[in-house]
Amino acid sequence: SENPPNHILFLTNLPEETNELMLSMLFNQFPGFKEVRL
């Protein structure tokens, strides 16, 4: 379901072992990355 473009992304279907560090390493490769919020 599409929401209007936003500078904040919403992630779903993450596994139980997901942590802030893991997601930060994935998204940090893209320009403009600021932070991950669990």
All heavy atoms as atom14 arrays in JSON, in Angstrom:
{
  "sequence": "SENPPNHILFLTNLPEETNELMLSMLFNQFPGFKEVRL",
  "atom14_mask": [
    [1, 1, 1, 1, 1, 1, 0, 0, 0, 0, 0, 0, 0, 0],
    [1, 1, 1, 1, 1, 1, 1, 1, 1, 0, 0, 0, 0, 0],
    [1, 1, 1, 1, 1, 1, 1, 1, 0, 0, 0, 0, 0, 0],
    [1, 1, 1, 1, 1, 1, 1, 0, 0, 0, 0, 0, 0, 0],
    [1, 1, 1, 1, 1, 1, 1, 0, 0, 0, 0, 0, 0, 0],
    [1, 1, 1, 1, 1, 1, 1, 1, 0, 0, 0, 0, 0, 0],
    [1, 1, 1, 1, 1, 1, 1, 1, 1, 1, 0, 0, 0, 0],
    [1, 1, 1, 1, 1, 1, 1, 1, 0, 0, 0, 0, 0, 0],
    [1, 1, 1, 1, 1, 1, 1, 1, 0, 0, 0, 0, 0, 0],
    [1, 1, 1, 1, 1, 1, 1, 1, 1, 1, 1, 0, 0, 0],
    [1, 1, 1, 1, 1, 1, 1, 1, 0, 0, 0, 0, 0, 0],
    [1, 1, 1, 1, 1, 1, 1, 0, 0, 0, 0, 0, 0, 0],
    [1, 1, 1, 1, 1, 1, 1, 1, 0, 0, 0, 0, 0, 0],
    [1, 1, 1, 1, 1, 1, 1, 1, 0, 0, 0, 0, 0, 0],
    [1, 1, 1, 1, 1, 1, 1, 0, 0, 0, 0, 0, 0, 0],
    [1, 1, 1, 1, 1, 1, 1, 1, 1, 0, 0, 0, 0, 0],
    [1, 1, 1, 1, 1, 1, 1, 1, 1, 0, 0, 0, 0, 0],
    [1, 1, 1, 1, 1, 1, 1, 0, 0, 0, 0, 0, 0, 0],
    [1, 1, 1, 1, 1, 1, 1, 1, 0, 0, 0, 0, 0, 0],
    [1, 1, 1, 1, 1, 1, 1, 1, 1, 0, 0, 0, 0, 0],
    [1, 1, 1, 1, 1, 1, 1, 1, 0, 0, 0, 0, 0, 0],
    [1, 1, 1, 1, 1, 1, 1, 1, 0, 0, 0, 0, 0, 0],
    [1, 1, 1, 1, 1, 1, 1, 1, 0, 0, 0, 0, 0, 0],
    [1, 1, 1, 1, 1, 1, 0, 0, 0, 0, 0, 0, 0, 0],
    [1, 1, 1, 1, 1, 1, 1, 1, 0, 0, 0, 0, 0, 0],
    [1, 1, 1, 1, 1, 1, 1, 1, 0, 0, 0, 0, 0, 0],
    [1, 1, 1, 1, 1, 1, 1, 1, 1, 1, 1, 0, 0, 0],
    [1, 1, 1, 1, 1, 1, 1, 1, 0, 0, 0, 0, 0, 0],
    [1, 1, 1, 1, 1, 1, 1, 1, 1, 0, 0, 0, 0, 0],
    [1, 1, 1, 1, 1, 1, 1, 1, 1, 1, 1, 0, 0, 0],
    [1, 1, 1, 1, 1, 1, 1, 0, 0, 0, 0, 0, 0, 0],
    [1, 1, 1, 1, 0, 0, 0, 0, 0, 0, 0, 0, 0, 0],
    [1, 1, 1, 1, 1, 1, 1, 1, 1, 1, 1, 0, 0, 0],
    [1, 1, 1, 1, 1, 1, 1, 1, 1, 0, 0, 0, 0, 0],
    [1, 1, 1, 1, 1, 1, 1, 1, 1, 0, 0, 0, 0, 0],
    [1, 1, 1, 1, 1, 1, 1, 0, 0, 0, 0, 0, 0, 0],
    [1, 1, 1, 1, 1, 1, 1, 1, 1, 1, 1, 0, 0, 0],
    [1, 1, 1, 1, 1, 1, 1, 1, 0, 0, 0, 0, 0, 0]
  ],
  "atom14_positions": [
    [[0.86, -1.18, 0.0], [0.0, 0.0, 0.0], [0.9, 1.23, 0.0], [1.76, 1.38, 0.86], [-0.9, -0.01, 1.24], [-0.12, -0.1, 2.4], [0.0, 0.0, 0.0], [0.0, 0.0, 0.0], [0.0, 0.0, 0.0], [0.0, 0.0, 0.0], [0.0, 0.0, 0.0], [0.0, 0.0, 0.0], [0.0, 0.0, 0.0], [0.0, 0.0, 0.0]],
    [[0.71, 2.08, -0.98], [1.62, 3.19, -1.18], [1.21, 4.42, -0.38], [0.06, 4.88, -0.46], [1.69, 3.55, -2.67], [2.4, 2.51, -3.51], [3.87, 2.37, -3.14], [4.48, 3.39, -2.77], [4.38, 1.26, -3.19], [0.0, 0.0, 0.0], [0.0, 0.0, 0.0], [0.0, 0.0, 0.0], [0.0, 0.0, 0.0], [0.0, 0.0, 0.0]],
    [[2.14, 4.93, 0.38], [1.98, 6.23, 1.01], [2.74, 7.26, 0.18], [3.62, 6.89, -0.6], [2.53, 6.2, 2.44], [1.72, 5.32, 3.36], [0.5, 5.32, 3.3], [2.4, 4.53, 4.19], [0.0, 0.0, 0.0], [0.0, 0.0, 0.0], [0.0, 0.0, 0.0], [0.0, 0.0, 0.0], [0.0, 0.0, 0.0], [0.0, 0.0, 0.0]],
    [[2.42, 8.53, 0.3], [3.17, 9.55, -0.44], [4.65, 9.48, -0.08], [5.02, 9.07, 1.03], [2.54, 10.87, 0.05], [1.19, 10.48, 0.56], [1.35, 9.1, 1.12], [0.0, 0.0, 0.0], [0.0, 0.0, 0.0], [0.0, 0.0, 0.0], [0.0, 0.0, 0.0], [0.0, 0.0, 0.0], [0.0, 0.0, 0.0], [0.0, 0.0, 0.0]],
    [[5.54, 9.85, -1.01], [6.98, 9.83, -0.73], [7.31, 10.58, 0.57], [6.73, 11.6, 0.88], [7.59, 10.53, -1.95], [6.63, 10.22, -3.05], [5.27, 10.27, -2.41], [0.0, 0.0, 0.0], [0.0, 0.0, 0.0], [0.0, 0.0, 0.0], [0.0, 0.0, 0.0], [0.0, 0.0, 0.0], [0.0, 0.0, 0.0], [0.0, 0.0, 0.0]],
    [[8.26, 10.01, 1.3], [8.62, 10.54, 2.6], [10.11, 10.29, 2.81], [10.68, 9.38, 2.22], [7.79, 9.83, 3.68], [7.9, 10.49, 5.05], [8.73, 11.37, 5.26], [7.07, 10.06, 5.99], [0.0, 0.0, 0.0], [0.0, 0.0, 0.0], [0.0, 0.0, 0.0], [0.0, 0.0, 0.0], [0.0, 0.0, 0.0], [0.0, 0.0, 0.0]],
    [[10.76, 11.1, 3.62], [12.17, 10.88, 3.88], [12.4, 9.8, 4.92], [13.54, 9.44, 5.22], [12.85, 12.19, 4.33], [12.43, 12.66, 5.69], [11.18, 13.2, 5.93], [13.07, 12.66, 6.89], [11.08, 13.52, 7.21], [12.22, 13.2, 7.81], [0.0, 0.0, 0.0], [0.0, 0.0, 0.0], [0.0, 0.0, 0.0], [0.0, 0.0, 0.0]],
    [[11.3, 9.24, 5.45], [11.38, 8.14, 6.41], [10.78, 6.89, 5.78], [9.68, 6.92, 5.23], [10.65, 8.48, 7.72], [11.3, 9.7, 8.39], [10.67, 7.29, 8.68], [10.59, 10.17, 9.64], [0.0, 0.0, 0.0], [0.0, 0.0, 0.0], [0.0, 0.0, 0.0], [0.0, 0.0, 0.0], [0.0, 0.0, 0.0], [0.0, 0.0, 0.0]],
    [[11.51, 5.76, 5.87], [11.05, 4.49, 5.34], [10.52, 3.62, 6.49], [11.01, 3.68, 7.62], [12.19, 3.75, 4.64], [12.83, 4.46, 3.44], [14.01, 3.66, 2.91], [11.8, 4.7, 2.34], [0.0, 0.0, 0.0], [0.0, 0.0, 0.0], [0.0, 0.0, 0.0], [0.0, 0.0, 0.0], [0.0, 0.0, 0.0], [0.0, 0.0, 0.0]],
    [[9.54, 2.78, 6.15], [8.96, 1.85, 7.12], [9.3, 0.44, 6.66], [8.95, 0.04, 5.55], [7.45, 2.05, 7.18], [6.74, 1.1, 8.11], [7.14, 0.95, 9.43], [5.65, 0.35, 7.65], [6.48, 0.08, 10.29], [4.99, -0.52, 8.5], [5.4, -0.66, 9.81], [0.0, 0.0, 0.0], [0.0, 0.0, 0.0], [0.0, 0.0, 0.0]],
    [[10.0, -0.32, 7.5], [10.42, -1.68, 7.16], [9.56, -2.7, 7.89], [9.27, -2.54, 9.08], [11.89, -1.91, 7.57], [12.92, -0.82, 7.24], [14.31, -1.29, 7.65], [12.89, -0.47, 5.76], [0.0, 0.0, 0.0], [0.0, 0.0, 0.0], [0.0, 0.0, 0.0], [0.0, 0.0, 0.0], [0.0, 0.0, 0.0], [0.0, 0.0, 0.0]],
    [[9.15, -3.75, 7.18], [8.38, -4.83, 7.8], [8.97, -6.17, 7.37], [9.83, -6.25, 6.5], [6.89, -4.77, 7.39], [6.79, -4.87, 5.96], [6.26, -3.46, 7.82], [0.0, 0.0, 0.0], [0.0, 0.0, 0.0], [0.0, 0.0, 0.0], [0.0, 0.0, 0.0], [0.0, 0.0, 0.0], [0.0, 0.0, 0.0], [0.0, 0.0, 0.0]],
    [[8.46, -7.24, 8.01], [8.89, -8.62, 7.74], [10.37, -8.83, 8.07], [11.08, -9.55, 7.37], [8.62, -9.01, 6.29], [8.59, -10.53, 6.1], [8.08, -11.25, 6.95], [9.14, -11.01, 5.0], [0.0, 0.0, 0.0], [0.0, 0.0, 0.0], [0.0, 0.0, 0.0], [0.0, 0.0, 0.0], [0.0, 0.0, 0.0], [0.0, 0.0, 0.0]],
    [[10.83, -8.22, 9.14], [12.22, -8.38, 9.57], [12.34, -9.61, 10.47], [11.43, -9.9, 11.25], [12.69, -7.14, 10.33], [12.64, -5.82, 9.56], [13.02, -4.65, 10.48], [13.56, -5.85, 8.35], [0.0, 0.0, 0.0], [0.0, 0.0, 0.0], [0.0, 0.0, 0.0], [0.0, 0.0, 0.0], [0.0, 0.0, 0.0], [0.0, 0.0, 0.0]],
    [[13.45, -10.35, 10.4], [13.61, -11.54, 11.25], [13.87, -11.18, 12.7], [14.2, -10.03, 13.02], [14.84, -12.23, 10.64], [15.61, -11.13, 10.0], [14.59, -10.16, 9.49], [0.0, 0.0, 0.0], [0.0, 0.0, 0.0], [0.0, 0.0, 0.0], [0.0, 0.0, 0.0], [0.0, 0.0, 0.0], [0.0, 0.0, 0.0], [0.0, 0.0, 0.0]],
    [[13.75, -12.16, 13.56], [13.86, -11.92, 15.0], [15.24, -11.41, 15.41], [15.37, -10.63, 16.35], [13.55, -13.22, 15.75], [13.48, -13.07, 17.26], [13.0, -14.33, 17.95], [12.63, -15.28, 17.23], [13.01, -14.36, 19.19], [0.0, 0.0, 0.0], [0.0, 0.0, 0.0], [0.0, 0.0, 0.0], [0.0, 0.0, 0.0], [0.0, 0.0, 0.0]],
    [[16.29, -11.85, 14.67], [17.65, -11.45, 15.06], [18.04, -10.06, 14.57], [19.18, -9.62, 14.77], [18.66, -12.47, 14.54], [18.65, -12.67, 13.04], [17.73, -13.82, 12.63], [16.72, -14.06, 13.32], [18.03, -14.48, 11.63], [0.0, 0.0, 0.0], [0.0, 0.0, 0.0], [0.0, 0.0, 0.0], [0.0, 0.0, 0.0], [0.0, 0.0, 0.0]],
    [[17.12, -9.33, 13.95], [17.42, -7.99, 13.45], [17.82, -7.06, 14.59], [17.21, -7.07, 15.66], [16.2, -7.4, 12.73], [15.83, -8.24, 11.65], [16.51, -6.0, 12.18], [0.0, 0.0, 0.0], [0.0, 0.0, 0.0], [0.0, 0.0, 0.0], [0.0, 0.0, 0.0], [0.0, 0.0, 0.0], [0.0, 0.0, 0.0], [0.0, 0.0, 0.0]],
    [[18.87, -6.27, 14.36], [19.24, -5.26, 15.34], [19.59, -3.96, 14.61], [19.7, -3.91, 13.39], [20.4, -5.73, 16.22], [21.63, -6.12, 15.43], [22.03, -5.41, 14.51], [22.24, -7.24, 15.78], [0.0, 0.0, 0.0], [0.0, 0.0, 0.0], [0.0, 0.0, 0.0], [0.0, 0.0, 0.0], [0.0, 0.0, 0.0], [0.0, 0.0, 0.0]],
    [[19.76, -2.9, 15.38], [20.01, -1.58, 14.81], [21.3, -1.55, 13.99], [21.36, -0.95, 12.92], [20.08, -0.54, 15.93], [20.27, 0.89, 15.45], [20.26, 1.89, 16.59], [19.8, 1.52, 17.69], [20.7, 3.03, 16.38], [0.0, 0.0, 0.0], [0.0, 0.0, 0.0], [0.0, 0.0, 0.0], [0.0, 0.0, 0.0], [0.0, 0.0, 0.0]],
    [[22.32, -2.23, 14.48], [23.61, -2.24, 13.79], [23.49, -2.9, 12.42], [24.01, -2.39, 11.42], [24.63, -2.98, 14.65], [26.03, -3.14, 14.05], [26.68, -1.78, 13.87], [26.89, -4.01, 14.97], [0.0, 0.0, 0.0], [0.0, 0.0, 0.0], [0.0, 0.0, 0.0], [0.0, 0.0, 0.0], [0.0, 0.0, 0.0], [0.0, 0.0, 0.0]],
    [[22.8, -4.0, 12.35], [22.64, -4.73, 11.1], [21.95, -3.87, 10.04], [22.4, -3.78, 8.89], [21.81, -6.0, 11.37], [21.7, -6.96, 10.2], [20.55, -8.3, 10.56], [21.29, -9.01, 12.03], [0.0, 0.0, 0.0], [0.0, 0.0, 0.0], [0.0, 0.0, 0.0], [0.0, 0.0, 0.0], [0.0, 0.0, 0.0], [0.0, 0.0, 0.0]],
    [[20.86, -3.2, 10.41], [20.14, -2.35, 9.47], [20.97, -1.12, 9.09], [20.95, -0.67, 7.94], [18.8, -1.92, 10.06], [17.78, -3.05, 10.26], [16.52, -2.51, 10.93], [17.42, -3.71, 8.94], [0.0, 0.0, 0.0], [0.0, 0.0, 0.0], [0.0, 0.0, 0.0], [0.0, 0.0, 0.0], [0.0, 0.0, 0.0], [0.0, 0.0, 0.0]],
    [[21.7, -0.58, 10.05], [22.55, 0.58, 9.75], [23.59, 0.24, 8.7], [23.86, 1.04, 7.79], [23.23, 1.08, 11.03], [22.29, 1.57, 11.95], [0.0, 0.0, 0.0], [0.0, 0.0, 0.0], [0.0, 0.0, 0.0], [0.0, 0.0, 0.0], [0.0, 0.0, 0.0], [0.0, 0.0, 0.0], [0.0, 0.0, 0.0], [0.0, 0.0, 0.0]],
    [[24.19, -0.95, 8.79], [25.19, -1.35, 7.82], [24.6, -1.5, 6.42], [25.24, -1.22, 5.42], [25.84, -2.67, 8.25], [26.75, -2.56, 9.46], [28.19, -1.5, 9.21], [27.68, -0.03, 10.08], [0.0, 0.0, 0.0], [0.0, 0.0, 0.0], [0.0, 0.0, 0.0], [0.0, 0.0, 0.0], [0.0, 0.0, 0.0], [0.0, 0.0, 0.0]],
    [[23.33, -1.94, 6.35], [22.68, -2.09, 5.05], [22.36, -0.74, 4.41], [22.58, -0.53, 3.22], [21.38, -2.89, 5.2], [21.5, -4.4, 5.34], [20.14, -5.02, 5.57], [22.15, -5.01, 4.1], [0.0, 0.0, 0.0], [0.0, 0.0, 0.0], [0.0, 0.0, 0.0], [0.0, 0.0, 0.0], [0.0, 0.0, 0.0], [0.0, 0.0, 0.0]],
    [[21.83, 0.18, 5.2], [21.35, 1.45, 4.65], [22.43, 2.54, 4.62], [22.27, 3.54, 3.91], [20.13, 1.93, 5.44], [18.87, 1.18, 5.11], [18.52, 0.06, 5.84], [18.05, 1.58, 4.06], [17.36, -0.65, 5.54], [16.89, 0.89, 3.76], [16.55, -0.24, 4.49], [0.0, 0.0, 0.0], [0.0, 0.0, 0.0], [0.0, 0.0, 0.0]],
    [[23.5, 2.36, 5.34], [24.55, 3.37, 5.4], [25.26, 3.55, 4.06], [25.93, 4.57, 3.82], [25.57, 3.0, 6.48], [26.57, 4.11, 6.72], [26.22, 5.27, 6.87], [27.85, 3.75, 6.74], [0.0, 0.0, 0.0], [0.0, 0.0, 0.0], [0.0, 0.0, 0.0], [0.0, 0.0, 0.0], [0.0, 0.0, 0.0], [0.0, 0.0, 0.0]],
    [[25.14, 2.57, 3.14], [25.79, 2.68, 1.83], [25.09, 3.69, 0.92], [25.61, 4.02, -0.14], [25.83, 1.31, 1.15], [24.45, 0.73, 0.88], [24.52, -0.66, 0.28], [25.14, -0.85, -0.75], [23.89, -1.63, 0.93], [0.0, 0.0, 0.0], [0.0, 0.0, 0.0], [0.0, 0.0, 0.0], [0.0, 0.0, 0.0], [0.0, 0.0, 0.0]],
    [[23.92, 4.18, 1.32], [23.17, 5.11, 0.48], [23.31, 6.55, 0.99], [23.23, 6.8, 2.19], [21.69, 4.71, 0.43], [21.48, 3.32, -0.11], [21.28, 2.24, 0.74], [21.53, 3.08, -1.47], [21.12, 0.96, 0.26], [21.37, 1.81, -1.97], [21.16, 0.75, -1.12], [0.0, 0.0, 0.0], [0.0, 0.0, 0.0], [0.0, 0.0, 0.0]],
    [[23.51, 7.49, 0.07], [23.68, 8.9, 0.47], [22.47, 9.41, 1.24], [21.33, 9.04, 0.96], [23.81, 9.63, -0.88], [24.28, 8.58, -1.84], [23.65, 7.31, -1.39], [0.0, 0.0, 0.0], [0.0, 0.0, 0.0], [0.0, 0.0, 0.0], [0.0, 0.0, 0.0], [0.0, 0.0, 0.0], [0.0, 0.0, 0.0], [0.0, 0.0, 0.0]],
    [[22.74, 10.25, 2.23], [21.67, 10.88, 3.0], [21.18, 10.09, 4.19], [20.29, 10.56, 4.92], [0.0, 0.0, 0.0], [0.0, 0.0, 0.0], [0.0, 0.0, 0.0], [0.0, 0.0, 0.0], [0.0, 0.0, 0.0], [0.0, 0.0, 0.0], [0.0, 0.0, 0.0], [0.0, 0.0, 0.0], [0.0, 0.0, 0.0], [0.0, 0.0, 0.0]],
    [[21.74, 8.9, 4.42], [21.29, 8.09, 5.56], [21.54, 8.83, 6.88], [22.6, 9.4, 7.11], [22.04, 6.76, 5.58], [21.82, 5.96, 6.83], [20.66, 5.24, 7.03], [22.8, 5.94, 7.83], [20.47, 4.51, 8.21], [22.61, 5.21, 9.0], [21.44, 4.5, 9.19], [0.0, 0.0, 0.0], [0.0, 0.0, 0.0], [0.0, 0.0, 0.0]],
    [[20.53, 8.81, 7.77], [20.65, 9.49, 9.05], [20.64, 8.49, 10.21], [21.57, 8.45, 11.0], [19.52, 10.51, 9.22], [19.64, 11.7, 8.27], [18.56, 12.74, 8.53], [18.76, 13.46, 9.85], [17.78, 14.56, 10.04], [0.0, 0.0, 0.0], [0.0, 0.0, 0.0], [0.0, 0.0, 0.0], [0.0, 0.0, 0.0], [0.0, 0.0, 0.0]],
    [[19.56, 7.7, 10.33], [19.5, 6.79, 11.47], [18.46, 5.7, 11.27], [17.59, 5.79, 10.41], [19.18, 7.56, 12.75], [17.79, 8.18, 12.76], [17.43, 8.8, 14.1], [18.14, 8.51, 15.09], [16.42, 9.53, 14.18], [0.0, 0.0, 0.0], [0.0, 0.0, 0.0], [0.0, 0.0, 0.0], [0.0, 0.0, 0.0], [0.0, 0.0, 0.0]],
    [[18.59, 4.65, 12.09], [17.62, 3.56, 12.17], [16.91, 3.65, 13.51], [17.56, 3.88, 14.54], [18.3, 2.19, 12.03], [17.34, 1.06, 12.38], [18.84, 2.0, 10.62], [0.0, 0.0, 0.0], [0.0, 0.0, 0.0], [0.0, 0.0, 0.0], [0.0, 0.0, 0.0], [0.0, 0.0, 0.0], [0.0, 0.0, 0.0], [0.0, 0.0, 0.0]],
    [[15.6, 3.47, 13.5], [14.84, 3.49, 14.75], [14.05, 2.18, 14.88], [13.2, 1.89, 14.02], [13.9, 4.69, 14.81], [14.62, 6.02, 14.85], [13.7, 7.13, 15.32], [12.63, 7.41, 14.36], [12.74, 8.28, 13.35], [13.88, 8.93, 13.16], [11.74, 8.49, 12.54], [0.0, 0.0, 0.0], [0.0, 0.0, 0.0], [0.0, 0.0, 0.0]],
    [[14.34, 1.42, 15.91], [13.6, 0.19, 16.18], [12.39, 0.5, 17.06], [12.35, 1.52, 17.75], [14.5, -0.84, 16.87], [15.77, -1.25, 16.1], [16.54, -2.28, 16.9], [15.43, -1.78, 14.73], [0.0, 0.0, 0.0], [0.0, 0.0, 0.0], [0.0, 0.0, 0.0], [0.0, 0.0, 0.0], [0.0, 0.0, 0.0], [0.0, 0.0, 0.0]]
  ]
}
